[in-house]
Amino acid sequence: PYYAGKSAIVVGCDLLYLFTAEEAALPIKSYSPELMVTPVYSAKWPDGKAEGIRAMGQAVDRMLPRLTALVIGPGLGRDEAVLEAVAEILYSVRSYKVPVIIDADGLWLVNQRPDVVEGNHNVLLTPNISEYKRLRDNVLQQDEVEDEVEELKRLCLALGGVTICKKGAVDLISNGVDVLTCAATGSPKRCGGV
């Protein structure tokens, strides 16, 4: 989560709340004092997973009115209890109409539970090639590549109109109706969808 938070600060974010595990909070705070690091769960689940899920959801839910955007995924991990809490957060955030960007392990959750984003027009999924294929195969129940643009539009519509930025050498961005492309090279460190 540190790199996602630090990147947002570097490009001009004024105030950033970074929700993370208790065990990661202190190291992240020591890397960057600009990040408002908030531990919202413990990987040890001292009060049990059910209570931990509830507490994590409540901690983030209290902050949702302050947020103008929410990024989920980088550094999230795949702990089932954490993913369950994040699913609840994704349902809660709908009422605030906050833009939500989902990448990395957040996409793993969407692949397992597409319902957490279905119909939320404020969601942007940013899969790389492998993440996109998993999502396509699961949601569209196909593994054959059809026309790339039409397939992307169908996937967006199957998820209820979410926006997807399919990362690659040329990024494809669609909400199921419109399609944009971006062939800008950007940073030389950009992976280009690999």
C-alpha atoms as a PDB file:
ATOM      1  CA  PRO A   1       0.000   0.000   0.000  1.00  0.00           C
ATOM      2  CA  TYR A   2       2.943   2.329   0.555  1.00  0.00           C
ATOM      3  CA  TYR A   3       3.738   2.733  -3.157  1.00  0.00           C
ATOM      4  CA  ALA A   4       0.119   3.439  -4.086  1.00  0.00           C
ATOM      5  CA  GLY A   5      -0.104   6.047  -1.345  1.00  0.00           C
ATOM      6  CA  LYS A   6       3.248   7.643  -2.081  1.00  0.00           C
ATOM      7  CA  SER A   7       2.439   7.794  -5.804  1.00  0.00           C
ATOM      8  CA  ALA A   8      -0.776   9.671  -5.064  1.00  0.00           C
ATOM      9  CA  ILE A   9       1.122  12.183  -2.926  1.00  0.00           C
ATOM     10  CA  VAL A  10       3.779  12.672  -5.630  1.00  0.00           C
ATOM     11  CA  VAL A  11       1.161  13.511  -8.288  1.00  0.00           C
ATOM     12  CA  GLY A  12      -0.567  16.075  -6.090  1.00  0.00           C
ATOM     13  CA  CYS A  13      -2.930  14.432  -3.603  1.00  0.00           C
ATOM     14  CA  ASP A  14      -3.276  16.832  -0.660  1.00  0.00           C
ATOM     15  CA  LEU A  15      -4.361  14.389   2.019  1.00  0.00           C
ATOM     16  CA  LEU A  16      -4.147  10.616   1.899  1.00  0.00           C
ATOM     17  CA  TYR A  17      -5.533   8.095   4.353  1.00  0.00           C
ATOM     18  CA  LEU A  18      -3.808   4.722   4.024  1.00  0.00           C
ATOM     19  CA  PHE A  19      -5.705   1.823   5.615  1.00  0.00           C
ATOM     20  CA  THR A  20      -3.524  -1.176   6.359  1.00  0.00           C
ATOM     21  CA  ALA A  21      -2.696  -3.987   8.762  1.00  0.00           C
ATOM     22  CA  GLU A  22      -1.558  -3.045  12.249  1.00  0.00           C
ATOM     23  CA  GLU A  23       1.707  -4.892  11.615  1.00  0.00           C
ATOM     24  CA  ALA A  24       2.495  -2.727   8.546  1.00  0.00           C
ATOM     25  CA  ALA A  25       1.406   0.650   9.933  1.00  0.00           C
ATOM     26  CA  LEU A  26       4.594   1.666  11.751  1.00  0.00           C
ATOM     27  CA  PRO A  27       7.008   0.769   8.928  1.00  0.00           C
ATOM     28  CA  ILE A  28       4.832   2.630   6.413  1.00  0.00           C
ATOM     29  CA  LYS A  29       4.619   5.682   8.695  1.00  0.00           C
ATOM     30  CA  SER A  30       8.402   5.688   8.986  1.00  0.00           C
ATOM     31  CA  TYR A  31       8.791   5.721   5.184  1.00  0.00           C
ATOM     32  CA  SER A  32       6.587   8.718   4.623  1.00  0.00           C
ATOM     33  CA  PRO A  33       5.227  11.156   7.204  1.00  0.00           C
ATOM     34  CA  GLU A  34       2.836  12.621   4.578  1.00  0.00           C
ATOM     35  CA  LEU A  35       0.693   9.495   4.641  1.00  0.00           C
ATOM     36  CA  MET A  36      -2.075   9.367   7.221  1.00  0.00           C
ATOM     37  CA  VAL A  37      -1.613   5.674   8.059  1.00  0.00           C
ATOM     38  CA  THR A  38      -4.534   4.035   9.834  1.00  0.00           C
ATOM     39  CA  PRO A  39      -4.293   0.445  11.045  1.00  0.00           C
ATOM     40  CA  VAL A  40      -7.724  -1.131  10.523  1.00  0.00           C
ATOM     41  CA  TYR A  41      -7.035  -4.797  11.315  1.00  0.00           C
ATOM     42  CA  SER A  42      -4.442  -7.161  12.715  1.00  0.00           C
ATOM     43  CA  ALA A  43      -3.237 -10.118  10.687  1.00  0.00           C
ATOM     44  CA  LYS A  44      -3.378 -12.098  13.936  1.00  0.00           C
ATOM     45  CA  TRP A  45      -7.160 -11.466  14.340  1.00  0.00           C
ATOM     46  CA  PRO A  46      -6.896 -11.294  18.176  1.00  0.00           C
ATOM     47  CA  ASP A  47     -10.674 -11.013  18.691  1.00  0.00           C
ATOM     48  CA  GLY A  48     -11.516 -13.637  16.074  1.00  0.00           C
ATOM     49  CA  LYS A  49     -12.075 -13.206  12.372  1.00  0.00           C
ATOM     50  CA  ALA A  50     -15.785 -12.360  12.553  1.00  0.00           C
ATOM     51  CA  GLU A  51     -15.137  -9.514  15.018  1.00  0.00           C
ATOM     52  CA  GLY A  52     -12.080  -8.423  13.011  1.00  0.00           C
ATOM     53  CA  ILE A  53     -14.102  -8.207   9.801  1.00  0.00           C
ATOM     54  CA  ARG A  54     -16.782  -6.136  11.569  1.00  0.00           C
ATOM     55  CA  ALA A  55     -14.210  -3.833  13.176  1.00  0.00           C
ATOM     56  CA  MET A  56     -12.297  -3.331   9.924  1.00  0.00           C
ATOM     57  CA  GLY A  57     -15.490  -2.486   8.051  1.00  0.00           C
ATOM     58  CA  GLN A  58     -16.542  -0.005  10.735  1.00  0.00           C
ATOM     59  CA  ALA A  59     -13.112   1.668  10.859  1.00  0.00           C
ATOM     60  CA  VAL A  60     -13.093   2.318   7.121  1.00  0.00           C
ATOM     61  CA  ASP A  61     -16.814   3.139   6.988  1.00  0.00           C
ATOM     62  CA  ARG A  62     -16.294   5.973   9.505  1.00  0.00           C
ATOM     63  CA  MET A  63     -13.789   7.530   7.107  1.00  0.00           C
ATOM     64  CA  LEU A  64     -15.800   7.175   3.886  1.00  0.00           C
ATOM     65  CA  PRO A  65     -17.525  10.590   4.185  1.00  0.00           C
ATOM     66  CA  ARG A  66     -14.062  12.242   4.139  1.00  0.00           C
ATOM     67  CA  LEU A  67     -12.854  10.479   1.004  1.00  0.00           C
ATOM     68  CA  THR A  68     -12.975  11.836  -2.535  1.00  0.00           C
ATOM     69  CA  ALA A  69     -11.584   8.593  -3.991  1.00  0.00           C
ATOM     70  CA  LEU A  70     -10.723   5.104  -2.780  1.00  0.00           C
ATOM     71  CA  VAL A  71      -8.011   2.781  -4.121  1.00  0.00           C
ATOM     72  CA  ILE A  72      -8.290  -0.899  -3.208  1.00  0.00           C
ATOM     73  CA  GLY A  73      -5.831  -3.658  -3.951  1.00  0.00           C
ATOM     74  CA  PRO A  74      -2.130  -2.761  -3.838  1.00  0.00           C
ATOM     75  CA  GLY A  75      -0.687  -4.541  -0.810  1.00  0.00           C
ATOM     76  CA  LEU A  76      -4.070  -5.988   0.149  1.00  0.00           C
ATOM     77  CA  GLY A  77      -3.120  -9.655   0.096  1.00  0.00           C
ATOM     78  CA  ARG A  78      -5.550 -12.540  -0.195  1.00  0.00           C
ATOM     79  CA  ASP A  79      -6.477 -13.303   3.401  1.00  0.00           C
ATOM     80  CA  GLU A  80     -10.116 -14.439   3.260  1.00  0.00           C
ATOM     81  CA  ALA A  81     -11.191 -12.361   6.252  1.00  0.00           C
ATOM     82  CA  VAL A  82      -9.579  -9.194   4.860  1.00  0.00           C
ATOM     83  CA  LEU A  83     -11.269  -9.802   1.503  1.00  0.00           C
ATOM     84  CA  GLU A  84     -14.620 -10.306   3.233  1.00  0.00           C
ATOM     85  CA  ALA A  85     -14.207  -6.984   5.056  1.00  0.00           C
ATOM     86  CA  VAL A  86     -13.235  -5.270   1.789  1.00  0.00           C
ATOM     87  CA  ALA A  87     -16.348  -6.724   0.135  1.00  0.00           C
ATOM     88  CA  GLU A  88     -18.454  -5.093   2.856  1.00  0.00           C
ATOM     89  CA  ILE A  89     -16.583  -1.810   2.364  1.00  0.00           C
ATOM     90  CA  LEU A  90     -17.292  -1.956  -1.384  1.00  0.00           C
ATOM     91  CA  TYR A  91     -20.997  -2.261  -0.617  1.00  0.00           C
ATOM     92  CA  SER A  92     -20.851   0.650   1.869  1.00  0.00           C
ATOM     93  CA  VAL A  93     -18.958   2.999  -0.450  1.00  0.00           C
ATOM     94  CA  ARG A  94     -21.793   2.884  -3.015  1.00  0.00           C
ATOM     95  CA  SER A  95     -23.957   5.221  -0.954  1.00  0.00           C
ATOM     96  CA  TYR A  96     -21.173   7.849  -0.888  1.00  0.00           C
ATOM     97  CA  LYS A  97     -20.733   7.807  -4.689  1.00  0.00           C
ATOM     98  CA  VAL A  98     -16.956   7.879  -4.207  1.00  0.00           C
ATOM     99  CA  PRO A  99     -14.856   6.844  -7.222  1.00  0.00           C
ATOM    100  CA  VAL A 100     -13.211   3.487  -6.492  1.00  0.00           C
ATOM    101  CA  ILE A 101     -10.102   2.235  -8.295  1.00  0.00           C
ATOM    102  CA  ILE A 102      -9.445  -1.486  -7.951  1.00  0.00           C
ATOM    103  CA  ASP A 103      -6.126  -3.079  -8.863  1.00  0.00           C
ATOM    104  CA  ALA A 104      -3.879  -6.000  -7.846  1.00  0.00           C
ATOM    105  CA  ASP A 105      -5.392  -8.195  -5.105  1.00  0.00           C
ATOM    106  CA  GLY A 106      -8.557  -6.104  -5.197  1.00  0.00           C
ATOM    107  CA  LEU A 107      -9.090  -7.577  -8.664  1.00  0.00           C
ATOM    108  CA  TRP A 108      -8.650 -11.027  -7.130  1.00  0.00           C
ATOM    109  CA  LEU A 109     -11.645 -10.243  -4.910  1.00  0.00           C
ATOM    110  CA  VAL A 110     -13.699  -8.976  -7.883  1.00  0.00           C
ATOM    111  CA  ASN A 111     -12.883 -12.162  -9.771  1.00  0.00           C
ATOM    112  CA  GLN A 112     -14.119 -14.259  -6.823  1.00  0.00           C
ATOM    113  CA  ARG A 113     -17.115 -12.015  -6.091  1.00  0.00           C
ATOM    114  CA  PRO A 114     -18.163  -9.892  -9.092  1.00  0.00           C
ATOM    115  CA  ASP A 115     -21.248  -8.824  -7.121  1.00  0.00           C
ATOM    116  CA  VAL A 116     -19.112  -6.409  -5.068  1.00  0.00           C
ATOM    117  CA  VAL A 117     -18.798  -4.068  -8.076  1.00  0.00           C
ATOM    118  CA  GLU A 118     -21.777  -4.990 -10.258  1.00  0.00           C
ATOM    119  CA  GLY A 119     -23.749  -1.931 -11.246  1.00  0.00           C
ATOM    120  CA  ASN A 120     -21.439   0.546  -9.514  1.00  0.00           C
ATOM    121  CA  HIS A 121     -20.656   3.132 -12.199  1.00  0.00           C
ATOM    122  CA  ASN A 122     -18.085   4.749  -9.901  1.00  0.00           C
ATOM    123  CA  VAL A 123     -15.740   1.746 -10.137  1.00  0.00           C
ATOM    124  CA  LEU A 124     -12.620   1.605 -12.304  1.00  0.00           C
ATOM    125  CA  LEU A 125     -10.912  -1.788 -12.637  1.00  0.00           C
ATOM    126  CA  THR A 126      -7.291  -1.671 -13.831  1.00  0.00           C
ATOM    127  CA  PRO A 127      -6.278  -5.229 -14.769  1.00  0.00           C
ATOM    128  CA  ASN A 128      -3.040  -6.209 -16.458  1.00  0.00           C
ATOM    129  CA  ILE A 129      -3.209  -8.886 -19.148  1.00  0.00           C
ATOM    130  CA  SER A 130      -3.274 -11.866 -16.742  1.00  0.00           C
ATOM    131  CA  GLU A 131      -5.798 -10.253 -14.388  1.00  0.00           C
ATOM    132  CA  TYR A 132      -7.989  -9.325 -17.360  1.00  0.00           C
ATOM    133  CA  LYS A 133      -7.982 -12.897 -18.709  1.00  0.00           C
ATOM    134  CA  ARG A 134      -9.013 -14.298 -15.305  1.00  0.00           C
ATOM    135  CA  LEU A 135     -11.825 -11.760 -15.011  1.00  0.00           C
ATOM    136  CA  ARG A 136     -13.004 -12.318 -18.594  1.00  0.00           C
ATOM    137  CA  ASP A 137     -12.941 -16.096 -18.246  1.00  0.00           C
ATOM    138  CA  ASN A 138     -14.902 -15.948 -14.989  1.00  0.00           C
ATOM    139  CA  VAL A 139     -17.476 -13.286 -15.837  1.00  0.00           C
ATOM    140  CA  LEU A 140     -18.057 -13.992 -19.530  1.00  0.00           C
ATOM    141  CA  GLN A 141     -17.500 -17.739 -19.097  1.00  0.00           C
ATOM    142  CA  GLN A 142     -15.203 -17.825 -22.112  1.00  0.00           C
ATOM    143  CA  ASP A 143     -11.534 -18.166 -22.767  1.00  0.00           C
ATOM    144  CA  GLU A 144     -11.553 -17.465 -26.491  1.00  0.00           C
ATOM    145  CA  VAL A 145     -10.503 -14.009 -27.597  1.00  0.00           C
ATOM    146  CA  GLU A 146     -13.027 -12.304 -29.790  1.00  0.00           C
ATOM    147  CA  ASP A 147     -12.707  -8.767 -31.127  1.00  0.00           C
ATOM    148  CA  GLU A 148     -10.728  -7.151 -28.297  1.00  0.00           C
ATOM    149  CA  VAL A 149     -12.762  -3.936 -28.164  1.00  0.00           C
ATOM    150  CA  GLU A 150     -16.160  -5.654 -28.315  1.00  0.00           C
ATOM    151  CA  GLU A 151     -15.075  -8.179 -25.716  1.00  0.00           C
ATOM    152  CA  LEU A 152     -14.031  -5.389 -23.335  1.00  0.00           C
ATOM    153  CA  LYS A 153     -17.366  -3.637 -23.831  1.00  0.00           C
ATOM    154  CA  ARG A 154     -19.244  -6.880 -23.138  1.00  0.00           C
ATOM    155  CA  LEU A 155     -17.250  -7.433 -19.961  1.00  0.00           C
ATOM    156  CA  CYS A 156     -17.995  -3.913 -18.711  1.00  0.00           C
ATOM    157  CA  LEU A 157     -21.698  -4.389 -19.399  1.00  0.00           C
ATOM    158  CA  ALA A 158     -21.723  -7.855 -17.790  1.00  0.00           C
ATOM    159  CA  LEU A 159     -20.428  -6.155 -14.632  1.00  0.00           C
ATOM    160  CA  GLY A 160     -23.224  -3.597 -14.792  1.00  0.00           C
ATOM    161  CA  GLY A 161     -21.379  -0.720 -16.427  1.00  0.00           C
ATOM    162  CA  VAL A 162     -18.145  -0.533 -14.456  1.00  0.00           C
ATOM    163  CA  THR A 163     -15.207   1.071 -16.261  1.00  0.00           C
ATOM    164  CA  ILE A 164     -12.243  -1.118 -17.113  1.00  0.00           C
ATOM    165  CA  CYS A 165      -8.774   0.065 -18.097  1.00  0.00           C
ATOM    166  CA  LYS A 166      -7.211  -2.994 -19.714  1.00  0.00           C
ATOM    167  CA  LYS A 167      -3.497  -2.324 -19.358  1.00  0.00           C
ATOM    168  CA  GLY A 168      -1.164  -3.340 -22.168  1.00  0.00           C
ATOM    169  CA  ALA A 169       1.177  -1.927 -24.797  1.00  0.00           C
ATOM    170  CA  VAL A 170      -1.911   0.068 -25.794  1.00  0.00           C
ATOM    171  CA  ASP A 171      -4.359   0.549 -22.929  1.00  0.00           C
ATOM    172  CA  LEU A 172      -8.049   0.066 -23.701  1.00  0.00           C
ATOM    173  CA  ILE A 173     -10.537   1.897 -21.506  1.00  0.00           C
ATOM    174  CA  SER A 174     -14.285   1.291 -21.638  1.00  0.00           C
ATOM    175  CA  ASN A 175     -17.482   1.655 -19.656  1.00  0.00           C
ATOM    176  CA  GLY A 176     -19.331  -0.732 -21.967  1.00  0.00           C
ATOM    177  CA  VAL A 177     -20.454   2.023 -24.339  1.00  0.00           C
ATOM    178  CA  ASP A 178     -17.449   4.131 -25.208  1.00  0.00           C
ATOM    179  CA  VAL A 179     -13.884   2.934 -25.778  1.00  0.00           C
ATOM    180  CA  LEU A 180     -10.723   5.010 -25.475  1.00  0.00           C
ATOM    181  CA  THR A 181      -7.175   3.975 -26.244  1.00  0.00           C
ATOM    182  CA  CYS A 182      -3.946   5.224 -24.737  1.00  0.00           C
ATOM    183  CA  ALA A 183      -0.652   4.442 -26.439  1.00  0.00           C
ATOM    184  CA  ALA A 184       1.424   6.963 -24.473  1.00  0.00           C
ATOM    185  CA  THR A 185       4.685   5.431 -23.374  1.00  0.00           C
ATOM    186  CA  GLY A 186       4.732   7.126 -19.985  1.00  0.00           C
ATOM    187  CA  SER A 187       7.478   6.190 -17.575  1.00  0.00           C
ATOM    188  CA  PRO A 188      10.298   4.000 -18.859  1.00  0.00           C
ATOM    189  CA  LYS A 189       9.626   1.840 -15.780  1.00  0.00           C
ATOM    190  CA  ARG A 190       6.029   1.171 -16.887  1.00  0.00           C
ATOM    191  CA  CYS A 191       5.574  -2.555 -17.371  1.00  0.00           C
ATOM    192  CA  GLY A 192       3.419  -2.241 -20.516  1.00  0.00           C
ATOM    193  CA  GLY A 193       0.923  -4.834 -19.351  1.00  0.00           C
ATOM    194  CA  VAL A 194       3.409  -7.596 -18.666  1.00  0.00           C
END
